[in-house]
Amino acid sequence: MLPAVEISDLNDNPSSNRIFIIGGGIVGASLAYFLSREDNDRQVILVDKYLDKLSGSTGYAPGFVGQYNESPVLTSLAKDTVSEYIKVPDGFQVVGGLELSSTSEGVENLHRRKEAAQSSGLPAEIISPEVAASLAPDFIDADSVKAGLRFSSDGTANARQIASYYIREAQAKGVQLVEAEVTGFATEGHQMTTINSRSGDITLNGSIVILATVPIIPVAHPYTFTPSRPARSGTPYPFIRWLDHHVYARDHGDRDGLGSYDHPPMQADPTQSAMGLWPPSFEHVLSEATSHLKNRDQFLVKGPSDDPDEKRPFNGIFAVTPDNLPLAGRVPGVSNMWLCAAIWVTTAAGTAKLISRQILGGDEQRSSGDEALLKALDPARFQDIEEDVLVKQALAKYNDIYNRDPN
């Protein structure tokens, strides 16, 4: 990584031909990459509190990338995201995704999801309990499920690797980095004029600002591991979702990981990173979640330890919105400000590409579906709704994180 640029240097050489990206996680890194890869005369500047580490949700993301969603918008963004991740060295592994059900109603849902996924252009097939168990024998007991739905083109993303790669490539194209903690903004009329930070103010002179890190509704979420073990040989396990129980699991190579959404939504208040305080109730949540796996006894359920090098259960904070869709587009009432909050690693690159196309302009860069996507993701869609109503709606979405209700 090249040295960071000082704020004083930026202010000594003012220009209106700049694009400032606030937030250096996978979304901000994706924006820097896509904006810099097109031939244009814009100067792109990425601003983040810590340039040498990923303290936000990117650093803790479990990396599941399932492309099918009953929201066509999310499916489109996820497919576009995967088309980019597979180009990153060691960034994406096509291991497939597998959804399981142990109820007749759940099996009907799997068949419906299969048909809809195929209609959206994704490979999907219903498989027997025996075949499902053969794909992840340490996870799945064939006697405990009725059917599985396999998505062969899904996989796992190494969010840290992808973000680092995008930043390196962006820097090679001339993107500048600024290490500063942004604390606010100043506006005059309908234009943002200043980025305030603890390291000094950045004068914009009409430059565009994209917020790639937005504290929408942060929620608590438990994730745990098994102790380290030798890597498995043979075909990699797909990532698994037990839809009936809101539980998911994956093989991390040197250990297994598991998370659960099967608990009341808990709004969080993170400060320095996307790792929150450990609620004791999460130990019961994880105990119940691990009961659905064949290797249930290997997972740790007790909270964090004092050993910083030991992978223990942790509270991984992430954001939700009232409709589970990203916030992306122009900020109403501020002519030079955009949002690009993709919410999930699954949609990060696709959302960043969409915003990059709009900012760079030109009909040749925009795709035919951009208008519909921008309408669905428009930050103004919640503008006239009371904050407490939005919070309530967003928290309610936590327990349906797979978005099986497109409405």
Protein backbone atom coordinates (compact mmCIF):
# COMPACT_ATOMS: atom_id res chain seq x y z
CA MET A 1 0.00 0.00 0.00
CA LEU A 2 1.34 3.43 -0.95
CA PRO A 3 1.72 6.12 1.73
CA ALA A 4 -1.36 8.11 2.65
CA VAL A 5 -1.83 11.66 1.40
CA GLU A 6 -1.97 14.46 3.95
CA ILE A 7 -5.11 16.58 4.21
CA SER A 8 -2.97 19.72 3.95
CA ASP A 9 -1.72 18.56 0.56
CA LEU A 10 -5.30 18.13 -0.65
CA ASN A 11 -6.29 21.59 0.53
CA ASP A 12 -3.19 23.17 -1.02
CA ASN A 13 -4.21 21.82 -4.42
CA PRO A 14 -7.98 22.37 -4.64
CA SER A 15 -9.99 20.88 -7.48
CA SER A 16 -13.65 20.31 -8.26
CA ASN A 17 -12.72 17.25 -10.29
CA ARG A 18 -12.40 14.90 -7.33
CA ILE A 19 -14.45 12.01 -5.97
CA PHE A 20 -14.09 11.38 -2.22
CA ILE A 21 -15.09 7.93 -0.96
CA ILE A 22 -15.73 7.77 2.80
CA GLY A 23 -15.11 4.24 4.12
CA GLY A 24 -12.43 1.74 3.13
CA GLY A 25 -14.29 -1.55 3.61
CA ILE A 26 -15.23 -3.81 0.74
CA VAL A 27 -17.79 -1.33 -0.63
CA GLY A 28 -15.42 1.64 -0.54
CA ALA A 29 -12.61 -0.46 -1.98
CA SER A 30 -14.92 -1.65 -4.76
CA LEU A 31 -15.91 1.93 -5.56
CA ALA A 32 -12.28 3.03 -5.73
CA TYR A 33 -11.51 0.12 -8.05
CA PHE A 34 -14.42 0.61 -10.45
CA LEU A 35 -14.12 4.39 -10.57
CA SER A 36 -10.39 4.17 -11.33
CA ARG A 37 -10.55 1.41 -13.90
CA GLU A 38 -12.46 3.57 -16.40
CA ASP A 39 -10.52 6.12 -18.43
CA ASN A 40 -11.58 9.49 -17.03
CA ASP A 41 -10.01 12.62 -15.62
CA ARG A 42 -11.45 12.29 -12.12
CA GLN A 43 -9.16 12.10 -9.10
CA VAL A 44 -10.45 9.48 -6.67
CA ILE A 45 -9.60 9.79 -2.97
CA LEU A 46 -10.46 7.10 -0.40
CA VAL A 47 -10.79 8.25 3.22
CA ASP A 48 -10.83 5.80 6.13
CA LYS A 49 -10.07 5.88 9.83
CA TYR A 50 -7.63 2.95 9.63
CA LEU A 51 -5.90 2.12 6.36
CA ASP A 52 -3.93 -0.80 7.74
CA LYS A 53 -6.87 -2.85 9.05
CA LEU A 54 -10.52 -3.52 8.39
CA SER A 55 -12.30 -2.57 11.60
CA GLY A 56 -15.78 -2.53 10.04
CA SER A 57 -18.05 -5.42 9.11
CA THR A 58 -15.81 -6.40 6.17
CA GLY A 59 -13.21 -7.65 8.62
CA TYR A 60 -15.66 -10.03 10.31
CA ALA A 61 -17.87 -11.12 7.41
CA PRO A 62 -18.28 -14.93 7.26
CA GLY A 63 -18.16 -14.70 3.47
CA PHE A 64 -21.34 -16.49 2.41
CA VAL A 65 -22.40 -15.43 -1.07
CA GLY A 66 -25.77 -16.85 -2.07
CA GLN A 67 -26.95 -15.24 -5.29
CA TYR A 68 -30.63 -16.16 -5.32
CA ASN A 69 -32.98 -13.99 -3.32
CA GLU A 70 -36.70 -13.57 -3.63
CA SER A 71 -35.99 -9.91 -4.18
CA PRO A 72 -35.04 -9.62 -7.89
CA VAL A 73 -33.02 -6.53 -7.01
CA LEU A 74 -30.79 -8.44 -4.59
CA THR A 75 -30.44 -11.34 -7.02
CA SER A 76 -29.29 -8.98 -9.78
CA LEU A 77 -26.77 -7.25 -7.54
CA ALA A 78 -25.45 -10.57 -6.20
CA LYS A 79 -24.96 -12.05 -9.67
CA ASP A 80 -23.08 -8.94 -10.76
CA THR A 81 -21.01 -9.10 -7.57
CA VAL A 82 -19.96 -12.71 -8.14
CA SER A 83 -18.99 -11.91 -11.74
CA GLU A 84 -16.41 -9.53 -10.28
CA TYR A 85 -15.25 -11.51 -7.24
CA ILE A 86 -14.26 -14.51 -9.35
CA LYS A 87 -11.68 -12.29 -11.10
CA VAL A 88 -9.87 -11.56 -7.82
CA PRO A 89 -6.96 -13.93 -7.07
CA ASP A 90 -7.95 -16.05 -4.04
CA GLY A 91 -10.98 -13.83 -3.58
CA PHE A 92 -13.86 -16.20 -4.27
CA GLN A 93 -14.22 -19.97 -4.07
CA VAL A 94 -17.09 -21.61 -5.91
CA VAL A 95 -18.07 -24.23 -3.34
CA GLY A 96 -21.81 -24.03 -3.91
CA GLY A 97 -24.60 -23.27 -1.49
CA LEU A 98 -26.96 -25.78 0.09
CA GLU A 99 -30.30 -25.05 1.75
CA LEU A 100 -31.86 -27.76 3.93
CA SER A 101 -35.31 -28.42 5.30
CA SER A 102 -36.71 -31.01 7.68
CA THR A 103 -40.41 -30.21 7.24
CA SER A 104 -42.91 -30.85 4.44
CA GLU A 105 -43.72 -27.15 4.29
CA GLY A 106 -40.03 -26.34 4.07
CA VAL A 107 -39.50 -28.81 1.23
CA GLU A 108 -42.32 -27.12 -0.71
CA ASN A 109 -40.51 -23.85 -0.17
CA LEU A 110 -37.27 -25.35 -1.51
CA HIS A 111 -39.05 -26.46 -4.69
CA ARG A 112 -40.51 -22.99 -5.14
CA ARG A 113 -37.11 -21.38 -4.62
CA LYS A 114 -35.55 -23.77 -7.11
CA GLU A 115 -38.00 -22.79 -9.84
CA ALA A 116 -37.56 -19.09 -9.14
CA ALA A 117 -33.76 -19.35 -9.07
CA GLN A 118 -33.72 -21.17 -12.40
CA SER A 119 -36.00 -18.51 -13.87
CA SER A 120 -33.44 -15.89 -12.82
CA GLY A 121 -30.69 -17.75 -14.67
CA LEU A 122 -29.05 -19.48 -11.71
CA PRO A 123 -28.34 -23.24 -11.58
CA ALA A 124 -30.42 -24.88 -8.83
CA GLU A 125 -31.45 -28.47 -8.11
CA ILE A 126 -33.33 -30.40 -5.44
CA ILE A 127 -31.22 -33.19 -3.96
CA SER A 128 -32.00 -36.07 -1.61
CA PRO A 129 -30.98 -36.15 2.06
CA GLU A 130 -28.35 -38.76 1.21
CA VAL A 131 -26.76 -36.62 -1.50
CA ALA A 132 -26.90 -33.57 0.77
CA ALA A 133 -25.12 -35.47 3.54
CA SER A 134 -22.44 -36.65 1.11
CA LEU A 135 -21.59 -33.03 0.27
CA ALA A 136 -20.88 -32.11 3.90
CA PRO A 137 -20.74 -35.35 5.92
CA ASP A 138 -19.46 -33.73 9.12
CA PHE A 139 -22.32 -31.22 9.09
CA ILE A 140 -25.36 -33.14 7.86
CA ASP A 141 -27.11 -36.22 9.17
CA ALA A 142 -29.27 -37.55 6.32
CA ASP A 143 -31.91 -38.73 8.80
CA SER A 144 -32.46 -35.19 10.06
CA VAL A 145 -33.51 -33.57 6.77
CA LYS A 146 -36.12 -34.24 4.09
CA ALA A 147 -34.46 -32.50 1.11
CA GLY A 148 -31.81 -30.03 0.03
CA LEU A 149 -31.61 -27.28 -2.56
CA ARG A 150 -28.21 -26.91 -4.16
CA PHE A 151 -26.96 -23.74 -5.85
CA SER A 152 -23.79 -24.85 -7.61
CA SER A 153 -22.52 -21.39 -8.66
CA ASP A 154 -22.60 -19.88 -5.15
CA GLY A 155 -19.54 -19.70 -2.97
CA THR A 156 -17.53 -18.05 -0.25
CA ALA A 157 -15.81 -14.68 -0.52
CA ASN A 158 -12.62 -13.68 1.24
CA ALA A 159 -13.76 -10.12 1.95
CA ARG A 160 -10.38 -9.02 3.29
CA GLN A 161 -8.56 -10.35 0.24
CA ILE A 162 -11.02 -8.74 -2.16
CA ALA A 163 -10.89 -5.35 -0.43
CA SER A 164 -7.09 -5.40 -0.29
CA TYR A 165 -6.84 -6.36 -3.96
CA TYR A 166 -9.23 -3.62 -5.04
CA ILE A 167 -7.33 -0.98 -3.08
CA ARG A 168 -3.97 -2.09 -4.51
CA GLU A 169 -5.33 -2.03 -8.05
CA ALA A 170 -6.99 1.34 -7.46
CA GLN A 171 -3.76 2.84 -6.14
CA ALA A 172 -1.93 1.57 -9.19
CA LYS A 173 -4.44 3.58 -11.23
CA GLY A 174 -3.78 6.74 -9.21
CA VAL A 175 -6.33 6.57 -6.38
CA GLN A 176 -5.07 8.41 -3.29
CA LEU A 177 -5.62 7.30 0.31
CA VAL A 178 -6.23 9.53 3.30
CA GLU A 179 -6.15 8.18 6.86
CA ALA A 180 -8.61 10.24 8.87
CA GLU A 181 -11.64 9.72 11.11
CA VAL A 182 -14.53 11.56 9.53
CA THR A 183 -16.70 13.28 12.15
CA GLY A 184 -19.18 15.24 10.05
CA PHE A 185 -19.85 17.43 7.06
CA ALA A 186 -20.60 21.08 6.35
CA THR A 187 -22.98 22.29 3.67
CA GLU A 188 -23.95 25.57 2.11
CA GLY A 189 -27.26 25.68 0.34
CA HIS A 190 -27.67 22.39 -1.51
CA GLN A 191 -23.99 21.50 -1.69
CA MET A 192 -21.58 19.82 0.70
CA THR A 193 -18.56 22.07 1.17
CA THR A 194 -16.40 20.38 3.80
CA ILE A 195 -15.54 16.97 5.21
CA ASN A 196 -14.80 17.34 8.92
CA SER A 197 -12.30 14.92 10.47
CA ARG A 198 -10.22 14.60 13.61
CA SER A 199 -7.15 15.21 11.46
CA GLY A 200 -8.49 18.42 9.95
CA ASP A 201 -11.13 19.63 7.53
CA ILE A 202 -11.08 18.73 3.84
CA THR A 203 -12.28 21.49 1.53
CA LEU A 204 -14.33 20.03 -1.31
CA ASN A 205 -14.53 22.82 -3.90
CA GLY A 206 -17.53 21.15 -5.50
CA SER A 207 -16.11 17.60 -5.42
CA ILE A 208 -18.39 14.56 -5.23
CA VAL A 209 -18.61 12.68 -1.92
CA ILE A 210 -19.76 9.05 -1.67
CA LEU A 211 -20.59 7.64 1.75
CA ALA A 212 -19.63 3.97 1.59
CA THR A 213 -20.06 3.39 5.30
CA VAL A 214 -23.42 4.33 6.79
CA PRO A 215 -24.55 3.39 10.34
CA ILE A 216 -28.05 2.38 9.26
CA ILE A 217 -29.51 0.05 11.93
CA PRO A 218 -26.63 -1.93 13.50
CA VAL A 219 -27.68 -5.26 15.00
CA ALA A 220 -25.97 -7.92 17.10
CA HIS A 221 -25.32 -11.36 15.65
CA PRO A 222 -23.56 -14.44 17.14
CA TYR A 223 -20.98 -16.42 15.21
CA THR A 224 -18.81 -19.26 16.50
CA PHE A 225 -16.12 -21.76 15.50
CA THR A 226 -14.79 -25.20 16.20
CA PRO A 227 -11.22 -25.45 17.50
CA SER A 228 -8.58 -25.54 14.77
CA ARG A 229 -8.10 -28.80 12.88
CA PRO A 230 -6.22 -30.08 9.81
CA ALA A 231 -7.80 -28.99 6.55
CA ARG A 232 -10.20 -31.52 5.03
CA SER A 233 -9.16 -33.27 1.86
CA GLY A 234 -11.36 -33.78 -1.16
CA THR A 235 -14.12 -31.57 -2.54
CA PRO A 236 -14.74 -28.45 -0.42
CA TYR A 237 -17.97 -28.34 1.54
CA PRO A 238 -20.71 -26.02 0.29
CA PHE A 239 -21.92 -23.43 2.74
CA ILE A 240 -25.07 -24.69 4.44
CA ARG A 241 -28.29 -22.97 5.48
CA TRP A 242 -30.88 -24.66 7.70
CA LEU A 243 -33.75 -22.39 6.68
CA ASP A 244 -36.19 -23.91 9.18
CA HIS A 245 -33.92 -22.88 12.04
CA HIS A 246 -32.23 -19.68 10.78
CA VAL A 247 -28.82 -21.35 11.13
CA TYR A 248 -25.90 -21.42 8.69
CA ALA A 249 -22.45 -23.01 8.67
CA ARG A 250 -19.32 -23.25 6.55
CA ASP A 251 -15.86 -24.81 6.39
CA HIS A 252 -13.21 -22.11 6.98
CA GLY A 253 -10.34 -24.44 6.05
CA ASP A 254 -8.69 -24.83 9.45
CA ARG A 255 -11.97 -24.87 11.41
CA ASP A 256 -15.74 -24.72 10.92
CA GLY A 257 -17.95 -21.70 11.53
CA LEU A 258 -21.62 -21.29 12.41
CA GLY A 259 -24.03 -18.40 12.87
CA SER A 260 -27.66 -18.04 13.92
CA TYR A 261 -30.45 -15.53 13.37
CA ASP A 262 -32.80 -17.45 15.66
CA HIS A 263 -33.10 -14.88 18.44
CA PRO A 264 -34.90 -11.57 18.99
CA PRO A 265 -33.29 -8.71 17.06
CA MET A 266 -30.90 -6.69 19.21
CA GLN A 267 -30.00 -3.18 18.15
CA ALA A 268 -26.33 -2.51 18.82
CA ASP A 269 -24.18 0.57 19.32
CA PRO A 270 -20.71 -0.18 17.98
CA THR A 271 -17.97 2.40 18.39
CA GLN A 272 -14.50 1.35 17.29
CA SER A 273 -15.28 -1.75 15.23
CA ALA A 274 -18.00 -4.10 14.04
CA MET A 275 -17.43 -6.43 16.99
CA GLY A 276 -19.88 -5.78 19.80
CA LEU A 277 -20.12 -6.74 23.44
CA TRP A 278 -21.07 -10.37 24.08
CA PRO A 279 -24.66 -10.86 25.35
CA PRO A 280 -24.78 -13.92 27.65
CA SER A 281 -28.05 -14.97 25.97
CA PHE A 282 -26.07 -15.77 22.82
CA GLU A 283 -24.63 -18.87 24.50
CA HIS A 284 -28.11 -20.42 24.58
CA VAL A 285 -28.69 -19.28 20.98
CA LEU A 286 -25.52 -21.01 19.83
CA SER A 287 -26.24 -24.15 21.85
CA GLU A 288 -29.58 -24.45 20.09
CA ALA A 289 -28.05 -23.65 16.70
CA THR A 290 -25.29 -26.24 16.96
CA SER A 291 -27.84 -28.96 17.79
CA HIS A 292 -28.80 -29.09 14.12
CA LEU A 293 -25.30 -30.12 12.99
CA LYS A 294 -23.85 -33.59 13.03
CA ASN A 295 -20.60 -32.32 14.55
CA ARG A 296 -22.51 -30.24 17.10
CA ASP A 297 -20.23 -31.17 20.01
CA GLN A 298 -17.20 -29.58 18.36
CA PHE A 299 -18.52 -26.02 18.27
CA LEU A 300 -17.68 -23.53 21.01
CA VAL A 301 -20.64 -21.77 22.60
CA LYS A 302 -19.06 -19.85 25.48
CA GLY A 303 -18.28 -16.20 24.85
CA PRO A 304 -14.98 -14.48 24.04
CA SER A 305 -11.86 -15.35 26.02
CA ASP A 306 -8.91 -13.19 27.08
CA ASP A 307 -6.69 -14.82 24.46
CA PRO A 308 -6.75 -12.49 21.41
CA ASP A 309 -5.34 -15.24 19.17
CA GLU A 310 -8.07 -17.75 20.00
CA LYS A 311 -11.09 -17.82 17.71
CA ARG A 312 -14.02 -17.79 20.10
CA PRO A 313 -17.71 -16.99 19.65
CA PHE A 314 -18.17 -13.30 18.93
CA ASN A 315 -20.87 -10.72 18.38
CA GLY A 316 -20.48 -9.60 14.78
CA ILE A 317 -22.30 -6.31 14.19
CA PHE A 318 -23.88 -5.66 10.82
CA ALA A 319 -26.49 -3.30 9.43
CA VAL A 320 -30.05 -3.92 8.34
CA THR A 321 -32.51 -1.69 6.51
CA PRO A 322 -36.32 -1.68 6.69
CA ASP A 323 -36.54 -3.64 3.41
CA ASN A 324 -33.19 -5.50 3.48
CA LEU A 325 -32.07 -3.55 0.40
CA PRO A 326 -28.95 -1.41 0.08
CA LEU A 327 -29.04 2.38 0.16
CA ALA A 328 -27.48 3.62 -3.05
CA GLY A 329 -27.95 6.79 -5.06
CA ARG A 330 -27.99 10.55 -4.70
CA VAL A 331 -28.70 12.03 -1.30
CA PRO A 332 -31.85 14.16 -1.55
CA GLY A 333 -31.19 17.87 -1.23
CA VAL A 334 -27.38 17.65 -1.52
CA SER A 335 -26.20 17.92 -5.11
CA ASN A 336 -22.72 16.45 -4.68
CA MET A 337 -23.41 13.68 -2.15
CA TRP A 338 -24.13 9.99 -2.83
CA LEU A 339 -24.75 6.93 -0.68
CA CYS A 340 -23.40 3.48 -1.44
CA ALA A 341 -24.26 1.24 1.52
CA ALA A 342 -24.44 -2.28 0.11
CA ILE A 343 -25.22 -3.90 3.50
CA TRP A 344 -23.81 -7.33 2.49
CA VAL A 345 -20.59 -8.64 0.98
CA THR A 346 -22.99 -10.51 -1.35
CA THR A 347 -24.01 -7.26 -3.06
CA ALA A 348 -20.97 -5.03 -2.46
CA ALA A 349 -19.32 -5.09 -5.88
CA GLY A 350 -22.60 -5.00 -7.78
CA THR A 351 -23.82 -1.95 -5.85
CA ALA A 352 -20.47 -0.19 -6.24
CA LYS A 353 -20.48 -0.83 -10.00
CA LEU A 354 -23.98 0.60 -10.25
CA ILE A 355 -23.02 3.83 -8.49
CA SER A 356 -19.77 4.09 -10.43
CA ARG A 357 -21.66 3.93 -13.71
CA GLN A 358 -24.00 6.72 -12.64
CA ILE A 359 -21.25 9.03 -11.44
CA LEU A 360 -18.98 8.57 -14.45
CA GLY A 361 -21.98 9.14 -16.71
CA GLY A 362 -22.42 8.31 -20.34
CA ASP A 363 -25.07 6.07 -21.83
CA GLU A 364 -22.43 3.61 -22.97
CA GLN A 365 -21.53 2.87 -19.33
CA ARG A 366 -25.05 2.42 -17.98
CA SER A 367 -26.83 -0.90 -18.27
CA SER A 368 -30.47 -1.37 -19.27
CA GLY A 369 -31.53 -2.35 -15.74
CA ASP A 370 -29.88 0.55 -13.90
CA GLU A 371 -32.98 2.72 -13.70
CA ALA A 372 -35.03 0.03 -11.94
CA LEU A 373 -32.17 -0.75 -9.53
CA LEU A 374 -31.65 2.89 -8.64
CA LYS A 375 -35.35 3.34 -7.99
CA ALA A 376 -35.38 0.35 -5.62
CA LEU A 377 -32.25 1.50 -3.78
CA ASP A 378 -33.04 5.22 -3.70
CA PRO A 379 -32.08 6.63 -0.25
CA ALA A 380 -35.15 8.89 -0.44
CA ARG A 381 -37.54 5.93 -0.21
CA PHE A 382 -37.68 6.26 3.58
CA GLN A 383 -37.65 10.04 3.72
CA ASP A 384 -41.19 10.65 5.02
CA ILE A 385 -41.32 7.79 7.53
CA GLU A 386 -40.74 8.35 11.24
CA GLU A 387 -37.39 7.11 12.57
CA ASP A 388 -38.89 4.83 15.22
CA VAL A 389 -41.04 3.14 12.57
CA LEU A 390 -38.00 2.56 10.35
CA VAL A 391 -36.02 1.09 13.24
CA LYS A 392 -38.87 -1.26 14.10
CA GLN A 393 -39.21 -2.40 10.47
CA ALA A 394 -35.46 -2.92 10.11
CA LEU A 395 -35.15 -4.95 13.28
CA ALA A 396 -38.08 -7.11 12.20
CA LYS A 397 -36.16 -7.98 9.04
CA TYR A 398 -33.37 -9.54 11.08
CA ASN A 399 -35.33 -12.73 11.67
CA ASP A 400 -36.03 -13.05 7.95
CA ILE A 401 -32.53 -12.27 6.79
CA TYR A 402 -32.79 -14.65 3.85
CA ASN A 403 -35.61 -12.40 2.63
CA ARG A 404 -38.07 -15.15 1.81
CA ASP A 405 -40.79 -12.49 1.78
CA PRO A 406 -40.08 -10.19 -1.20
CA ASN A 407 -42.64 -7.70 0.05
